[in-house]
Amino acid sequence: MSENIEKITSQMRKWILEYVILMIIDSDEVYSSDILNILKNNKLIVVEWTLYPLLSRLKNDSLIAYYWVESKSGPPRKYLKLTKQGKETLKTMSIIWNELKSAVNNISIKKNSLIINN
């Protein structure tokens, strides 16, 4: 892959990862290993060390918070949740994602000519 393609891919993955992580946290009571497993199972993340800095940034941006739950078998677990700002950001990101997805789906390339579906 060329350097330019790698940069574009990295930027696209970063935004999508943030969006998906916020969706996962909003969907259920989760902790970081749950998120990591979901991302790995869906081939959205390859290495673990990418997740933790992203979670830290989302926490520093006040989009997520965490709380501790005592465990009957082992140490307490740190669960993640969306803050109010995180829920608003997720809602905005969902709108943006759906608009982008719709626009891209409406455009297709056929035999080197651009066709716009209405």
C-alpha atoms as a PDB file:
ATOM      1  CA  MET A   1       0.000   0.000   0.000  1.00  0.00           C
ATOM      2  CA  SER A   2       1.278   3.441  -0.812  1.00  0.00           C
ATOM      3  CA  GLU A   3       1.920   5.899   2.001  1.00  0.00           C
ATOM      4  CA  ASN A   4      -1.048   8.031   0.913  1.00  0.00           C
ATOM      5  CA  ILE A   5      -3.436   5.048   0.916  1.00  0.00           C
ATOM      6  CA  GLU A   6      -2.162   3.990   4.341  1.00  0.00           C
ATOM      7  CA  LYS A   7      -2.819   7.514   5.675  1.00  0.00           C
ATOM      8  CA  ILE A   8      -6.357   7.562   4.237  1.00  0.00           C
ATOM      9  CA  THR A   9      -7.062   4.079   5.575  1.00  0.00           C
ATOM     10  CA  SER A  10      -5.773   5.071   9.001  1.00  0.00           C
ATOM     11  CA  GLN A  11      -7.954   8.195   9.136  1.00  0.00           C
ATOM     12  CA  MET A  12     -11.057   6.304   8.019  1.00  0.00           C
ATOM     13  CA  ARG A  13     -10.461   3.475  10.505  1.00  0.00           C
ATOM     14  CA  LYS A  14      -9.924   5.955  13.349  1.00  0.00           C
ATOM     15  CA  TRP A  15     -13.289   7.657  12.840  1.00  0.00           C
ATOM     16  CA  ILE A  16     -15.107   4.374  12.312  1.00  0.00           C
ATOM     17  CA  LEU A  17     -13.457   2.844  15.390  1.00  0.00           C
ATOM     18  CA  GLU A  18     -14.552   5.772  17.550  1.00  0.00           C
ATOM     19  CA  TYR A  19     -18.088   5.494  16.210  1.00  0.00           C
ATOM     20  CA  VAL A  20     -18.279   1.727  16.692  1.00  0.00           C
ATOM     21  CA  ILE A  21     -16.774   1.889  20.184  1.00  0.00           C
ATOM     22  CA  LEU A  22     -19.368   4.463  21.245  1.00  0.00           C
ATOM     23  CA  MET A  23     -22.093   2.219  19.774  1.00  0.00           C
ATOM     24  CA  ILE A  24     -20.781  -0.822  21.661  1.00  0.00           C
ATOM     25  CA  ILE A  25     -20.577   1.055  24.954  1.00  0.00           C
ATOM     26  CA  ASP A  26     -24.084   2.443  24.473  1.00  0.00           C
ATOM     27  CA  SER A  27     -25.564  -0.963  23.634  1.00  0.00           C
ATOM     28  CA  ASP A  28     -24.770  -2.836  26.822  1.00  0.00           C
ATOM     29  CA  GLU A  29     -22.799  -2.959  30.037  1.00  0.00           C
ATOM     30  CA  VAL A  30     -19.267  -3.612  28.766  1.00  0.00           C
ATOM     31  CA  TYR A  31     -15.674  -3.499  29.828  1.00  0.00           C
ATOM     32  CA  SER A  32     -12.661  -3.018  27.637  1.00  0.00           C
ATOM     33  CA  SER A  33     -12.021  -6.702  26.954  1.00  0.00           C
ATOM     34  CA  ASP A  34     -15.623  -7.024  25.667  1.00  0.00           C
ATOM     35  CA  ILE A  35     -15.003  -4.154  23.260  1.00  0.00           C
ATOM     36  CA  LEU A  36     -11.723  -5.673  22.150  1.00  0.00           C
ATOM     37  CA  ASN A  37     -13.360  -9.053  21.469  1.00  0.00           C
ATOM     38  CA  ILE A  38     -16.200  -7.486  19.477  1.00  0.00           C
ATOM     39  CA  LEU A  39     -13.760  -5.442  17.395  1.00  0.00           C
ATOM     40  CA  LYS A  40     -11.480  -8.436  16.790  1.00  0.00           C
ATOM     41  CA  ASN A  41     -14.396 -10.715  15.881  1.00  0.00           C
ATOM     42  CA  ASN A  42     -15.517  -8.150  13.308  1.00  0.00           C
ATOM     43  CA  LYS A  43     -11.986  -7.536  11.993  1.00  0.00           C
ATOM     44  CA  LEU A  44     -12.037  -3.866  12.984  1.00  0.00           C
ATOM     45  CA  ILE A  45      -8.974  -4.013  15.189  1.00  0.00           C
ATOM     46  CA  VAL A  46      -5.916  -6.162  14.980  1.00  0.00           C
ATOM     47  CA  VAL A  47      -3.783  -5.260  17.973  1.00  0.00           C
ATOM     48  CA  GLU A  48      -4.893  -4.626  21.536  1.00  0.00           C
ATOM     49  CA  TRP A  49      -2.703  -1.609  22.183  1.00  0.00           C
ATOM     50  CA  THR A  50      -4.765   0.464  19.699  1.00  0.00           C
ATOM     51  CA  LEU A  51      -7.880   0.291  21.874  1.00  0.00           C
ATOM     52  CA  TYR A  52      -6.590   1.609  25.182  1.00  0.00           C
ATOM     53  CA  PRO A  53      -5.255   4.983  23.991  1.00  0.00           C
ATOM     54  CA  LEU A  54      -8.527   5.485  22.119  1.00  0.00           C
ATOM     55  CA  LEU A  55     -10.561   4.737  25.262  1.00  0.00           C
ATOM     56  CA  SER A  56      -8.363   7.153  27.221  1.00  0.00           C
ATOM     57  CA  ARG A  57      -8.951   9.880  24.657  1.00  0.00           C
ATOM     58  CA  LEU A  58     -12.713   9.280  24.665  1.00  0.00           C
ATOM     59  CA  LYS A  59     -12.647   9.538  28.470  1.00  0.00           C
ATOM     60  CA  ASN A  60     -10.530  12.722  28.354  1.00  0.00           C
ATOM     61  CA  ASP A  61     -13.001  14.169  25.831  1.00  0.00           C
ATOM     62  CA  SER A  62     -15.795  13.416  28.356  1.00  0.00           C
ATOM     63  CA  LEU A  63     -17.537  11.019  25.965  1.00  0.00           C
ATOM     64  CA  ILE A  64     -17.207   7.974  28.204  1.00  0.00           C
ATOM     65  CA  ALA A  65     -16.885   7.331  31.901  1.00  0.00           C
ATOM     66  CA  TYR A  66     -16.300   4.193  33.891  1.00  0.00           C
ATOM     67  CA  TYR A  67     -17.536   2.602  37.077  1.00  0.00           C
ATOM     68  CA  TRP A  68     -16.335  -0.335  39.115  1.00  0.00           C
ATOM     69  CA  VAL A  69     -18.359  -3.487  39.788  1.00  0.00           C
ATOM     70  CA  GLU A  70     -17.287  -5.987  42.410  1.00  0.00           C
ATOM     71  CA  SER A  71     -16.748  -9.476  41.070  1.00  0.00           C
ATOM     72  CA  LYS A  72     -17.622 -12.693  42.909  1.00  0.00           C
ATOM     73  CA  SER A  73     -14.644 -14.365  41.257  1.00  0.00           C
ATOM     74  CA  GLY A  74     -11.633 -12.101  41.062  1.00  0.00           C
ATOM     75  CA  PRO A  75     -10.888  -8.398  41.154  1.00  0.00           C
ATOM     76  CA  PRO A  76     -13.501  -5.699  40.481  1.00  0.00           C
ATOM     77  CA  ARG A  77     -14.184  -4.897  36.845  1.00  0.00           C
ATOM     78  CA  LYS A  78     -14.128  -1.451  35.288  1.00  0.00           C
ATOM     79  CA  TYR A  79     -17.235  -1.027  33.145  1.00  0.00           C
ATOM     80  CA  LEU A  80     -17.622   1.741  30.587  1.00  0.00           C
ATOM     81  CA  LYS A  81     -20.643   3.924  29.913  1.00  0.00           C
ATOM     82  CA  LEU A  82     -21.441   6.881  27.706  1.00  0.00           C
ATOM     83  CA  THR A  83     -21.754  10.283  29.278  1.00  0.00           C
ATOM     84  CA  LYS A  84     -24.517  12.659  28.235  1.00  0.00           C
ATOM     85  CA  GLN A  85     -22.049  14.300  25.858  1.00  0.00           C
ATOM     86  CA  GLY A  86     -21.084  10.845  24.581  1.00  0.00           C
ATOM     87  CA  LYS A  87     -24.717  10.015  23.804  1.00  0.00           C
ATOM     88  CA  GLU A  88     -25.128  13.307  21.941  1.00  0.00           C
ATOM     89  CA  THR A  89     -21.906  12.693  20.016  1.00  0.00           C
ATOM     90  CA  LEU A  90     -23.018   9.160  19.126  1.00  0.00           C
ATOM     91  CA  LYS A  91     -26.338  10.498  17.864  1.00  0.00           C
ATOM     92  CA  THR A  92     -24.547  13.068  15.678  1.00  0.00           C
ATOM     93  CA  MET A  93     -22.072  10.466  14.413  1.00  0.00           C
ATOM     94  CA  SER A  94     -24.977   8.139  13.533  1.00  0.00           C
ATOM     95  CA  ILE A  95     -26.604  10.871  11.465  1.00  0.00           C
ATOM     96  CA  ILE A  96     -23.312  11.604   9.694  1.00  0.00           C
ATOM     97  CA  TRP A  97     -22.656   7.887   9.097  1.00  0.00           C
ATOM     98  CA  ASN A  98     -26.134   7.292   7.657  1.00  0.00           C
ATOM     99  CA  GLU A  99     -25.872  10.333   5.378  1.00  0.00           C
ATOM    100  CA  LEU A 100     -22.432   9.243   4.136  1.00  0.00           C
ATOM    101  CA  LYS A 101     -23.514   5.632   3.691  1.00  0.00           C
ATOM    102  CA  SER A 102     -26.587   6.716   1.750  1.00  0.00           C
ATOM    103  CA  ALA A 103     -24.583   9.055  -0.473  1.00  0.00           C
ATOM    104  CA  VAL A 104     -21.973   6.404  -1.230  1.00  0.00           C
ATOM    105  CA  ASN A 105     -24.643   3.767  -1.906  1.00  0.00           C
ATOM    106  CA  ASN A 106     -26.362   6.138  -4.346  1.00  0.00           C
ATOM    107  CA  ILE A 107     -23.209   6.530  -6.391  1.00  0.00           C
ATOM    108  CA  SER A 108     -21.869   3.650  -8.436  1.00  0.00           C
ATOM    109  CA  ILE A 109     -19.276   3.404 -11.157  1.00  0.00           C
ATOM    110  CA  LYS A 110     -20.146   1.351 -14.213  1.00  0.00           C
ATOM    111  CA  LYS A 111     -17.949   1.059 -17.301  1.00  0.00           C
ATOM    112  CA  ASN A 112     -15.930   4.190 -16.417  1.00  0.00           C
ATOM    113  CA  SER A 113     -18.984   6.416 -16.306  1.00  0.00           C
ATOM    114  CA  LEU A 114     -20.547   7.823 -13.176  1.00  0.00           C
ATOM    115  CA  ILE A 115     -24.161   6.879 -12.612  1.00  0.00           C
ATOM    116  CA  ILE A 116     -26.209   8.712 -10.024  1.00  0.00           C
ATOM    117  CA  ASN A 117     -29.206   6.822  -8.676  1.00  0.00           C
ATOM    118  CA  ASN A 118     -32.180   8.899  -7.577  1.00  0.00           C
END
